[in-house]
Amino acid sequence: MGRRGVEDELRVLTVCGVGMGSCLILRMTAEEVFTRLGLRARVTATDVSSAHGMPADILIGQEMHTGEFEGRVPVVISVANFLDKDEMQRKLVAAMEAAGWLAA
């Protein structure tokens, strides 16, 4: 399998409880991380309820919201600090490598 995000655009959801605060911050942080990594991604900020009906390759959110997406979305990332690009990048790269989407 090739590098996801290079040959095709990744569908990424950032989630929070009501879709109006922290998920927007997560979206901005995620967009910067994907740019750093040279990956194409369409990042959408949304609430948890809406996310259940949306297709996604990657879901990013607080641990309290991400658990219910395990097994439903290929890559699920829980972050503690929404502004920490390094934390998000480390977790994202590790999860994408584990999924076989990036070369280890």
PDB file of N, CA and C in Angstrom:
ATOM      1  N   MET A   1       0.845  -1.174   0.000  1.00  0.00           N
ATOM      2  CA  MET A   1       0.000   0.000   0.000  1.00  0.00           C
ATOM      3  C   MET A   1       0.891   1.238   0.000  1.00  0.00           C
ATOM      4  N   GLY A   2       0.563   2.246  -0.793  1.00  0.00           N
ATOM      5  CA  GLY A   2       1.350   3.471  -0.883  1.00  0.00           C
ATOM      6  C   GLY A   2       1.118   4.395   0.295  1.00  0.00           C
ATOM      7  N   ARG A   3       1.779   5.507   0.214  1.00  0.00           N
ATOM      8  CA  ARG A   3       1.632   6.499   1.282  1.00  0.00           C
ATOM      9  C   ARG A   3       0.275   7.186   1.165  1.00  0.00           C
ATOM     10  N   ARG A   4      -0.601   6.935   2.111  1.00  0.00           N
ATOM     11  CA  ARG A   4      -1.893   7.613   2.142  1.00  0.00           C
ATOM     12  C   ARG A   4      -1.627   9.088   2.368  1.00  0.00           C
ATOM     13  N   GLY A   5      -2.348   9.941   1.677  1.00  0.00           N
ATOM     14  CA  GLY A   5      -2.140  11.370   1.801  1.00  0.00           C
ATOM     15  C   GLY A   5      -1.214  11.911   0.729  1.00  0.00           C
ATOM     16  N   VAL A   6      -0.526  11.019   0.031  1.00  0.00           N
ATOM     17  CA  VAL A   6       0.329  11.432  -1.077  1.00  0.00           C
ATOM     18  C   VAL A   6      -0.398  11.131  -2.379  1.00  0.00           C
ATOM     19  N   GLU A   7      -0.756   9.859  -2.561  1.00  0.00           N
ATOM     20  CA  GLU A   7      -1.480   9.474  -3.774  1.00  0.00           C
ATOM     21  C   GLU A   7      -2.942   9.899  -3.721  1.00  0.00           C
ATOM     22  N   ASP A   8      -3.497   9.935  -2.532  1.00  0.00           N
ATOM     23  CA  ASP A   8      -4.893  10.320  -2.367  1.00  0.00           C
ATOM     24  C   ASP A   8      -5.036  11.211  -1.132  1.00  0.00           C
ATOM     25  N   GLU A   9      -6.073  12.005  -1.122  1.00  0.00           N
ATOM     26  CA  GLU A   9      -6.312  12.929  -0.019  1.00  0.00           C
ATOM     27  C   GLU A   9      -6.949  12.191   1.158  1.00  0.00           C
ATOM     28  N   LEU A  10      -6.405  12.415   2.336  1.00  0.00           N
ATOM     29  CA  LEU A  10      -6.954  11.812   3.543  1.00  0.00           C
ATOM     30  C   LEU A  10      -8.199  12.573   3.988  1.00  0.00           C
ATOM     31  N   ARG A  11      -9.190  11.851   4.479  1.00  0.00           N
ATOM     32  CA  ARG A  11     -10.383  12.461   5.074  1.00  0.00           C
ATOM     33  C   ARG A  11     -10.187  12.415   6.582  1.00  0.00           C
ATOM     34  N   VAL A  12     -10.076  13.591   7.185  1.00  0.00           N
ATOM     35  CA  VAL A  12      -9.760  13.697   8.604  1.00  0.00           C
ATOM     36  C   VAL A  12     -10.880  14.444   9.317  1.00  0.00           C
ATOM     37  N   LEU A  13     -11.314  13.902  10.438  1.00  0.00           N
ATOM     38  CA  LEU A  13     -12.283  14.582  11.286  1.00  0.00           C
ATOM     39  C   LEU A  13     -11.624  14.960  12.596  1.00  0.00           C
ATOM     40  N   THR A  14     -11.847  16.200  13.032  1.00  0.00           N
ATOM     41  CA  THR A  14     -11.484  16.594  14.386  1.00  0.00           C
ATOM     42  C   THR A  14     -12.802  16.754  15.127  1.00  0.00           C
ATOM     43  N   VAL A  15     -12.902  16.144  16.307  1.00  0.00           N
ATOM     44  CA  VAL A  15     -14.174  16.115  17.017  1.00  0.00           C
ATOM     45  C   VAL A  15     -14.092  16.701  18.416  1.00  0.00           C
ATOM     46  N   CYS A  16     -15.217  17.260  18.834  1.00  0.00           N
ATOM     47  CA  CYS A  16     -15.413  17.694  20.213  1.00  0.00           C
ATOM     48  C   CYS A  16     -16.896  17.544  20.531  1.00  0.00           C
ATOM     49  N   GLY A  17     -17.273  17.871  21.736  1.00  0.00           N
ATOM     50  CA  GLY A  17     -18.635  17.639  22.192  1.00  0.00           C
ATOM     51  C   GLY A  17     -19.719  18.291  21.355  1.00  0.00           C
ATOM     52  N   VAL A  18     -19.581  19.573  21.053  1.00  0.00           N
ATOM     53  CA  VAL A  18     -20.633  20.272  20.309  1.00  0.00           C
ATOM     54  C   VAL A  18     -20.174  20.819  18.963  1.00  0.00           C
ATOM     55  N   GLY A  19     -18.931  20.651  18.617  1.00  0.00           N
ATOM     56  CA  GLY A  19     -18.453  21.036  17.291  1.00  0.00           C
ATOM     57  C   GLY A  19     -18.214  22.521  17.084  1.00  0.00           C
ATOM     58  N   MET A  20     -17.989  23.249  18.159  1.00  0.00           N
ATOM     59  CA  MET A  20     -17.825  24.694  17.993  1.00  0.00           C
ATOM     60  C   MET A  20     -16.575  25.269  18.648  1.00  0.00           C
ATOM     61  N   GLY A  21     -15.824  24.476  19.364  1.00  0.00           N
ATOM     62  CA  GLY A  21     -14.681  25.040  20.074  1.00  0.00           C
ATOM     63  C   GLY A  21     -13.396  24.289  19.839  1.00  0.00           C
ATOM     64  N   SER A  22     -13.184  23.272  20.662  1.00  0.00           N
ATOM     65  CA  SER A  22     -11.897  22.583  20.615  1.00  0.00           C
ATOM     66  C   SER A  22     -11.656  21.881  19.289  1.00  0.00           C
ATOM     67  N   CYS A  23     -12.698  21.414  18.618  1.00  0.00           N
ATOM     68  CA  CYS A  23     -12.476  20.742  17.332  1.00  0.00           C
ATOM     69  C   CYS A  23     -11.970  21.719  16.272  1.00  0.00           C
ATOM     70  N   LEU A  24     -12.313  22.993  16.393  1.00  0.00           N
ATOM     71  CA  LEU A  24     -11.796  23.996  15.453  1.00  0.00           C
ATOM     72  C   LEU A  24     -10.309  24.239  15.695  1.00  0.00           C
ATOM     73  N   ILE A  25      -9.922  24.266  16.963  1.00  0.00           N
ATOM     74  CA  ILE A  25      -8.503  24.410  17.300  1.00  0.00           C
ATOM     75  C   ILE A  25      -7.740  23.183  16.813  1.00  0.00           C
ATOM     76  N   LEU A  26      -8.304  21.999  17.055  1.00  0.00           N
ATOM     77  CA  LEU A  26      -7.682  20.761  16.576  1.00  0.00           C
ATOM     78  C   LEU A  26      -7.528  20.768  15.058  1.00  0.00           C
ATOM     79  N   ARG A  27      -8.532  21.271  14.357  1.00  0.00           N
ATOM     80  CA  ARG A  27      -8.464  21.320  12.891  1.00  0.00           C
ATOM     81  C   ARG A  27      -7.276  22.164  12.445  1.00  0.00           C
ATOM     82  N   MET A  28      -7.116  23.331  13.033  1.00  0.00           N
ATOM     83  CA  MET A  28      -6.001  24.205  12.639  1.00  0.00           C
ATOM     84  C   MET A  28      -4.656  23.552  12.942  1.00  0.00           C
ATOM     85  N   THR A  29      -4.544  22.921  14.103  1.00  0.00           N
ATOM     86  CA  THR A  29      -3.303  22.233  14.458  1.00  0.00           C
ATOM     87  C   THR A  29      -3.043  21.074  13.498  1.00  0.00           C
ATOM     88  N   ALA A  30      -4.079  20.288  13.211  1.00  0.00           N
ATOM     89  CA  ALA A  30      -3.930  19.140  12.306  1.00  0.00           C
ATOM     90  C   ALA A  30      -3.522  19.585  10.909  1.00  0.00           C
ATOM     91  N   GLU A  31      -4.126  20.653  10.412  1.00  0.00           N
ATOM     92  CA  GLU A  31      -3.768  21.140   9.075  1.00  0.00           C
ATOM     93  C   GLU A  31      -2.290  21.504   9.006  1.00  0.00           C
ATOM     94  N   GLU A  32      -1.776  22.122  10.059  1.00  0.00           N
ATOM     95  CA  GLU A  32      -0.350  22.466  10.085  1.00  0.00           C
ATOM     96  C   GLU A  32       0.517  21.212  10.134  1.00  0.00           C
ATOM     97  N   VAL A  33       0.084  20.203  10.897  1.00  0.00           N
ATOM     98  CA  VAL A  33       0.860  18.962  10.995  1.00  0.00           C
ATOM     99  C   VAL A  33       0.878  18.235   9.649  1.00  0.00           C
ATOM    100  N   PHE A  34      -0.264  18.147   8.978  1.00  0.00           N
ATOM    101  CA  PHE A  34      -0.290  17.483   7.672  1.00  0.00           C
ATOM    102  C   PHE A  34       0.589  18.232   6.662  1.00  0.00           C
ATOM    103  N   THR A  35       0.586  19.550   6.730  1.00  0.00           N
ATOM    104  CA  THR A  35       1.455  20.340   5.853  1.00  0.00           C
ATOM    105  C   THR A  35       2.914  20.034   6.145  1.00  0.00           C
ATOM    106  N   ARG A  36       3.287  19.999   7.423  1.00  0.00           N
ATOM    107  CA  ARG A  36       4.655  19.652   7.828  1.00  0.00           C
ATOM    108  C   ARG A  36       5.079  18.312   7.241  1.00  0.00           C
ATOM    109  N   LEU A  37       4.149  17.351   7.279  1.00  0.00           N
ATOM    110  CA  LEU A  37       4.449  15.991   6.820  1.00  0.00           C
ATOM    111  C   LEU A  37       4.371  15.841   5.305  1.00  0.00           C
ATOM    112  N   GLY A  38       3.906  16.872   4.619  1.00  0.00           N
ATOM    113  CA  GLY A  38       3.787  16.814   3.167  1.00  0.00           C
ATOM    114  C   GLY A  38       2.647  15.923   2.706  1.00  0.00           C
ATOM    115  N   LEU A  39       1.616  15.797   3.556  1.00  0.00           N
ATOM    116  CA  LEU A  39       0.475  14.943   3.235  1.00  0.00           C
ATOM    117  C   LEU A  39      -0.744  15.795   2.901  1.00  0.00           C
ATOM    118  N   ARG A  40      -1.524  15.319   1.940  1.00  0.00           N
ATOM    119  CA  ARG A  40      -2.767  16.012   1.577  1.00  0.00           C
ATOM    120  C   ARG A  40      -3.887  15.499   2.467  1.00  0.00           C
ATOM    121  N   ALA A  41      -4.605  16.427   3.076  1.00  0.00           N
ATOM    122  CA  ALA A  41      -5.702  16.032   3.952  1.00  0.00           C
ATOM    123  C   ALA A  41      -6.795  17.087   3.920  1.00  0.00           C
ATOM    124  N   ARG A  42      -8.028  16.611   3.876  1.00  0.00           N
ATOM    125  CA  ARG A  42      -9.197  17.484   4.023  1.00  0.00           C
ATOM    126  C   ARG A  42      -9.658  17.311   5.463  1.00  0.00           C
ATOM    127  N   VAL A  43      -9.446  18.341   6.279  1.00  0.00           N
ATOM    128  CA  VAL A  43      -9.742  18.262   7.701  1.00  0.00           C
ATOM    129  C   VAL A  43     -11.058  18.980   7.980  1.00  0.00           C
ATOM    130  N   THR A  44     -11.983  18.264   8.616  1.00  0.00           N
ATOM    131  CA  THR A  44     -13.298  18.808   8.939  1.00  0.00           C
ATOM    132  C   THR A  44     -13.495  18.768  10.447  1.00  0.00           C
ATOM    133  N   ALA A  45     -13.891  19.896  11.018  1.00  0.00           N
ATOM    134  CA  ALA A  45     -14.210  19.976  12.442  1.00  0.00           C
ATOM    135  C   ALA A  45     -15.696  19.698  12.624  1.00  0.00           C
ATOM    136  N   THR A  46     -16.016  18.831  13.589  1.00  0.00           N
ATOM    137  CA  THR A  46     -17.423  18.471  13.794  1.00  0.00           C
ATOM    138  C   THR A  46     -17.657  17.994  15.222  1.00  0.00           C
ATOM    139  N   ASP A  47     -18.928  17.835  15.560  1.00  0.00           N
ATOM    140  CA  ASP A  47     -19.282  17.299  16.868  1.00  0.00           C
ATOM    141  C   ASP A  47     -19.295  15.770  16.807  1.00  0.00           C
ATOM    142  N   VAL A  48     -19.256  15.147  17.965  1.00  0.00           N
ATOM    143  CA  VAL A  48     -19.176  13.687  18.052  1.00  0.00           C
ATOM    144  C   VAL A  48     -20.371  13.022  17.377  1.00  0.00           C
ATOM    145  N   SER A  49     -21.568  13.510  17.618  1.00  0.00           N
ATOM    146  CA  SER A  49     -22.762  12.880  17.038  1.00  0.00           C
ATOM    147  C   SER A  49     -22.724  12.894  15.522  1.00  0.00           C
ATOM    148  N   SER A  50     -22.385  14.021  14.932  1.00  0.00           N
ATOM    149  CA  SER A  50     -22.317  14.129  13.472  1.00  0.00           C
ATOM    150  C   SER A  50     -21.212  13.252  12.901  1.00  0.00           C
ATOM    151  N   ALA A  51     -20.102  13.124  13.629  1.00  0.00           N
ATOM    152  CA  ALA A  51     -18.961  12.340  13.150  1.00  0.00           C
ATOM    153  C   ALA A  51     -19.337  10.886  12.902  1.00  0.00           C
ATOM    154  N   HIS A  52     -20.317  10.371  13.640  1.00  0.00           N
ATOM    155  CA  HIS A  52     -20.727   8.968  13.463  1.00  0.00           C
ATOM    156  C   HIS A  52     -21.253   8.698  12.054  1.00  0.00           C
ATOM    157  N   GLY A  53     -21.789   9.694  11.399  1.00  0.00           N
ATOM    158  CA  GLY A  53     -22.330   9.498  10.058  1.00  0.00           C
ATOM    159  C   GLY A  53     -21.436   9.993   8.945  1.00  0.00           C
ATOM    160  N   MET A  54     -20.193  10.352   9.269  1.00  0.00           N
ATOM    161  CA  MET A  54     -19.285  10.918   8.274  1.00  0.00           C
ATOM    162  C   MET A  54     -18.150   9.944   7.975  1.00  0.00           C
ATOM    163  N   PRO A  55     -17.802   9.790   6.691  1.00  0.00           N
ATOM    164  CA  PRO A  55     -16.672   8.923   6.363  1.00  0.00           C
ATOM    165  C   PRO A  55     -15.356   9.591   6.765  1.00  0.00           C
ATOM    166  N   ALA A  56     -14.419   8.800   7.292  1.00  0.00           N
ATOM    167  CA  ALA A  56     -13.131   9.359   7.703  1.00  0.00           C
ATOM    168  C   ALA A  56     -12.053   8.287   7.638  1.00  0.00           C
ATOM    169  N   ASP A  57     -10.852   8.732   7.307  1.00  0.00           N
ATOM    170  CA  ASP A  57      -9.673   7.878   7.396  1.00  0.00           C
ATOM    171  C   ASP A  57      -9.021   8.030   8.763  1.00  0.00           C
ATOM    172  N   ILE A  58      -9.094   9.255   9.296  1.00  0.00           N
ATOM    173  CA  ILE A  58      -8.449   9.584  10.566  1.00  0.00           C
ATOM    174  C   ILE A  58      -9.415  10.423  11.387  1.00  0.00           C
ATOM    175  N   LEU A  59      -9.472  10.147  12.686  1.00  0.00           N
ATOM    176  CA  LEU A  59     -10.257  10.949  13.616  1.00  0.00           C
ATOM    177  C   LEU A  59      -9.344  11.407  14.731  1.00  0.00           C
ATOM    178  N   ILE A  60      -9.415  12.689  15.076  1.00  0.00           N
ATOM    179  CA  ILE A  60      -8.573  13.266  16.118  1.00  0.00           C
ATOM    180  C   ILE A  60      -9.469  13.961  17.129  1.00  0.00           C
ATOM    181  N   GLY A  61      -9.220  13.727  18.420  1.00  0.00           N
ATOM    182  CA  GLY A  61     -10.009  14.382  19.457  1.00  0.00           C
ATOM    183  C   GLY A  61      -9.461  14.078  20.835  1.00  0.00           C
ATOM    184  N   GLN A  62     -10.192  14.545  21.852  1.00  0.00           N
ATOM    185  CA  GLN A  62      -9.852  14.229  23.229  1.00  0.00           C
ATOM    186  C   GLN A  62     -10.188  12.773  23.493  1.00  0.00           C
ATOM    187  N   GLU A  63      -9.485  12.178  24.440  1.00  0.00           N
ATOM    188  CA  GLU A  63      -9.699  10.773  24.757  1.00  0.00           C
ATOM    189  C   GLU A  63     -11.152  10.486  25.132  1.00  0.00           C
ATOM    190  N   MET A  64     -11.823  11.421  25.784  1.00  0.00           N
ATOM    191  CA  MET A  64     -13.215  11.192  26.180  1.00  0.00           C
ATOM    192  C   MET A  64     -14.142  11.010  24.971  1.00  0.00           C
ATOM    193  N   HIS A  65     -13.714  11.476  23.792  1.00  0.00           N
ATOM    194  CA  HIS A  65     -14.543  11.370  22.598  1.00  0.00           C
ATOM    195  C   HIS A  65     -14.054  10.331  21.589  1.00  0.00           C
ATOM    196  N   THR A  66     -12.800   9.949  21.662  1.00  0.00           N
ATOM    197  CA  THR A  66     -12.251   9.097  20.608  1.00  0.00           C
ATOM    198  C   THR A  66     -12.525   7.610  20.793  1.00  0.00           C
ATOM    199  N   GLY A  67     -12.697   7.164  22.021  1.00  0.00           N
ATOM    200  CA  GLY A  67     -12.864   5.743  22.291  1.00  0.00           C
ATOM    201  C   GLY A  67     -13.988   5.093  21.512  1.00  0.00           C
ATOM    202  N   GLU A  68     -15.081   5.796  21.340  1.00  0.00           N
ATOM    203  CA  GLU A  68     -16.226   5.209  20.644  1.00  0.00           C
ATOM    204  C   GLU A  68     -15.999   5.046  19.143  1.00  0.00           C
ATOM    205  N   PHE A  69     -14.893   5.587  18.630  1.00  0.00           N
ATOM    206  CA  PHE A  69     -14.597   5.476  17.201  1.00  0.00           C
ATOM    207  C   PHE A  69     -13.570   4.387  16.896  1.00  0.00           C
ATOM    208  N   GLU A  70     -12.962   3.817  17.937  1.00  0.00           N
ATOM    209  CA  GLU A  70     -12.000   2.728  17.745  1.00  0.00           C
ATOM    210  C   GLU A  70     -12.691   1.587  17.006  1.00  0.00           C
ATOM    211  N   GLY A  71     -12.072   1.106  15.946  1.00  0.00           N
ATOM    212  CA  GLY A  71     -12.645   0.031  15.160  1.00  0.00           C
ATOM    213  C   GLY A  71     -13.637   0.495  14.095  1.00  0.00           C
ATOM    214  N   ARG A  72     -14.052   1.745  14.166  1.00  0.00           N
ATOM    215  CA  ARG A  72     -14.983   2.295  13.174  1.00  0.00           C
ATOM    216  C   ARG A  72     -14.272   3.208  12.182  1.00  0.00           C
ATOM    217  N   VAL A  73     -13.182   3.811  12.637  1.00  0.00           N
ATOM    218  CA  VAL A  73     -12.348   4.678  11.805  1.00  0.00           C
ATOM    219  C   VAL A  73     -10.959   4.054  11.807  1.00  0.00           C
ATOM    220  N   PRO A  74     -10.312   3.943  10.639  1.00  0.00           N
ATOM    221  CA  PRO A  74      -9.014   3.250  10.577  1.00  0.00           C
ATOM    222  C   PRO A  74      -7.944   3.787  11.526  1.00  0.00           C
ATOM    223  N   VAL A  75      -7.819   5.109  11.646  1.00  0.00           N
ATOM    224  CA  VAL A  75      -6.809   5.694  12.521  1.00  0.00           C
ATOM    225  C   VAL A  75      -7.502   6.672  13.462  1.00  0.00           C
ATOM    226  N   VAL A  76      -7.366   6.424  14.766  1.00  0.00           N
ATOM    227  CA  VAL A  76      -7.958   7.284  15.790  1.00  0.00           C
ATOM    228  C   VAL A  76      -6.843   7.804  16.677  1.00  0.00           C
ATOM    229  N   ILE A  77      -6.781   9.120  16.835  1.00  0.00           N
ATOM    230  CA  ILE A  77      -5.729   9.764  17.619  1.00  0.00           C
ATOM    231  C   ILE A  77      -6.372  10.529  18.772  1.00  0.00           C
ATOM    232  N   SER A  78      -5.889  10.298  19.989  1.00  0.00           N
ATOM    233  CA  SER A  78      -6.302  11.078  21.153  1.00  0.00           C
ATOM    234  C   SER A  78      -5.177  12.032  21.507  1.00  0.00           C
ATOM    235  N   VAL A  79      -5.510  13.308  21.665  1.00  0.00           N
ATOM    236  CA  VAL A  79      -4.502  14.293  22.038  1.00  0.00           C
ATOM    237  C   VAL A  79      -4.917  15.000  23.321  1.00  0.00           C
ATOM    238  N   ALA A  80      -3.924  15.381  24.118  1.00  0.00           N
ATOM    239  CA  ALA A  80      -4.176  16.075  25.373  1.00  0.00           C
ATOM    240  C   ALA A  80      -4.114  17.586  25.180  1.00  0.00           C
ATOM    241  N   ASN A  81      -3.133  18.041  24.409  1.00  0.00           N
ATOM    242  CA  ASN A  81      -2.937  19.472  24.191  1.00  0.00           C
ATOM    243  C   ASN A  81      -3.269  19.799  22.741  1.00  0.00           C
ATOM    244  N   PHE A  82      -4.343  20.521  22.532  1.00  0.00           N
ATOM    245  CA  PHE A  82      -4.831  20.805  21.181  1.00  0.00           C
ATOM    246  C   PHE A  82      -3.888  21.672  20.359  1.00  0.00           C
ATOM    247  N   LEU A  83      -2.983  22.374  21.007  1.00  0.00           N
ATOM    248  CA  LEU A  83      -2.065  23.267  20.305  1.00  0.00           C
ATOM    249  C   LEU A  83      -0.680  22.663  20.096  1.00  0.00           C
ATOM    250  N   ASP A  84      -0.442  21.490  20.660  1.00  0.00           N
ATOM    251  CA  ASP A  84       0.883  20.873  20.603  1.00  0.00           C
ATOM    252  C   ASP A  84       1.053  20.115  19.284  1.00  0.00           C
ATOM    253  N   LYS A  85       1.655  20.763  18.313  1.00  0.00           N
ATOM    254  CA  LYS A  85       1.854  20.157  16.995  1.00  0.00           C
ATOM    255  C   LYS A  85       2.792  18.958  17.066  1.00  0.00           C
ATOM    256  N   ASP A  86       3.795  19.025  17.938  1.00  0.00           N
ATOM    257  CA  ASP A  86       4.747  17.921  18.052  1.00  0.00           C
ATOM    258  C   ASP A  86       4.064  16.662  18.589  1.00  0.00           C
ATOM    259  N   GLU A  87       3.219  16.819  19.623  1.00  0.00           N
ATOM    260  CA  GLU A  87       2.479  15.666  20.167  1.00  0.00           C
ATOM    261  C   GLU A  87       1.603  15.052  19.086  1.00  0.00           C
ATOM    262  N   MET A  88       0.851  15.896  18.387  1.00  0.00           N
ATOM    263  CA  MET A  88      -0.047  15.384  17.363  1.00  0.00           C
ATOM    264  C   MET A  88       0.739  14.695  16.255  1.00  0.00           C
ATOM    265  N   GLN A  89       1.848  15.282  15.851  1.00  0.00           N
ATOM    266  CA  GLN A  89       2.642  14.690  14.775  1.00  0.00           C
ATOM    267  C   GLN A  89       3.191  13.332  15.190  1.00  0.00           C
ATOM    268  N   ARG A  90       3.721  13.230  16.397  1.00  0.00           N
ATOM    269  CA  ARG A  90       4.251  11.942  16.880  1.00  0.00           C
ATOM    270  C   ARG A  90       3.169  10.863  16.859  1.00  0.00           C
ATOM    271  N   LYS A  91       2.008  11.199  17.404  1.00  0.00           N
ATOM    272  CA  LYS A  91       0.922  10.221  17.485  1.00  0.00           C
ATOM    273  C   LYS A  91       0.380   9.879  16.097  1.00  0.00           C
ATOM    274  N   LEU A  92       0.277  10.867  15.251  1.00  0.00           N
ATOM    275  CA  LEU A  92      -0.243  10.647  13.904  1.00  0.00           C
ATOM    276  C   LEU A  92       0.694   9.766  13.090  1.00  0.00           C
ATOM    277  N   VAL A  93       1.976  10.076  13.112  1.00  0.00           N
ATOM    278  CA  VAL A  93       2.955   9.279  12.358  1.00  0.00           C
ATOM    279  C   VAL A  93       2.974   7.845  12.876  1.00  0.00           C
ATOM    280  N   ALA A  94       2.977   7.654  14.200  1.00  0.00           N
ATOM    281  CA  ALA A  94       2.995   6.305  14.757  1.00  0.00           C
ATOM    282  C   ALA A  94       1.759   5.514  14.332  1.00  0.00           C
ATOM    283  N   ALA A  95       0.591   6.144  14.381  1.00  0.00           N
ATOM    284  CA  ALA A  95      -0.654   5.454  14.021  1.00  0.00           C
ATOM    285  C   ALA A  95      -0.705   5.153  12.518  1.00  0.00           C
ATOM    286  N   MET A  96      -0.221   6.074  11.704  1.00  0.00           N
ATOM    287  CA  MET A  96      -0.228   5.849  10.259  1.00  0.00           C
ATOM    288  C   MET A  96       0.774   4.766   9.879  1.00  0.00           C
ATOM    289  N   GLU A  97       1.915   4.712  10.561  1.00  0.00           N
ATOM    290  CA  GLU A  97       2.879   3.645  10.312  1.00  0.00           C
ATOM    291  C   GLU A  97       2.295   2.298  10.721  1.00  0.00           C
ATOM    292  N   ALA A  98       1.610   2.259  11.857  1.00  0.00           N
ATOM    293  CA  ALA A  98       1.000   1.018  12.326  1.00  0.00           C
ATOM    294  C   ALA A  98      -0.069   0.530  11.360  1.00  0.00           C
ATOM    295  N   ALA A  99      -0.750   1.457  10.708  1.00  0.00           N
ATOM    296  CA  ALA A  99      -1.781   1.106   9.727  1.00  0.00           C
ATOM    297  C   ALA A  99      -1.176   0.734   8.374  1.00  0.00           C
ATOM    298  N   GLY A 100       0.136   0.912   8.219  1.00  0.00           N
ATOM    299  CA  GLY A 100       0.802   0.607   6.953  1.00  0.00           C
ATOM    300  C   GLY A 100       0.686   1.709   5.926  1.00  0.00           C
ATOM    301  N   TRP A 101       0.324   2.886   6.373  1.00  0.00           N
ATOM    302  CA  TRP A 101       0.122   4.023   5.455  1.00  0.00           C
ATOM    303  C   TRP A 101       1.389   4.813   5.213  1.00  0.00           C
ATOM    304  N   LEU A 102       2.357   4.707   6.120  1.00  0.00           N
ATOM    305  CA  LEU A 102       3.647   5.374   5.961  1.00  0.00           C
ATOM    306  C   LEU A 102       4.730   4.325   6.145  1.00  0.00           C
ATOM    307  N   ALA A 103       5.846   4.531   5.504  1.00  0.00           N
ATOM    308  CA  ALA A 103       6.974   3.630   5.700  1.00  0.00           C
ATOM    309  C   ALA A 103       7.530   3.864   7.097  1.00  0.00           C
ATOM    310  N   ALA A 104       7.759   2.813   7.825  1.00  0.00           N
ATOM    311  CA  ALA A 104       8.290   2.930   9.196  1.00  0.00           C
ATOM    312  C   ALA A 104       9.721   3.391   9.193  1.00  0.00           C
TER     313      ALA A 104
END
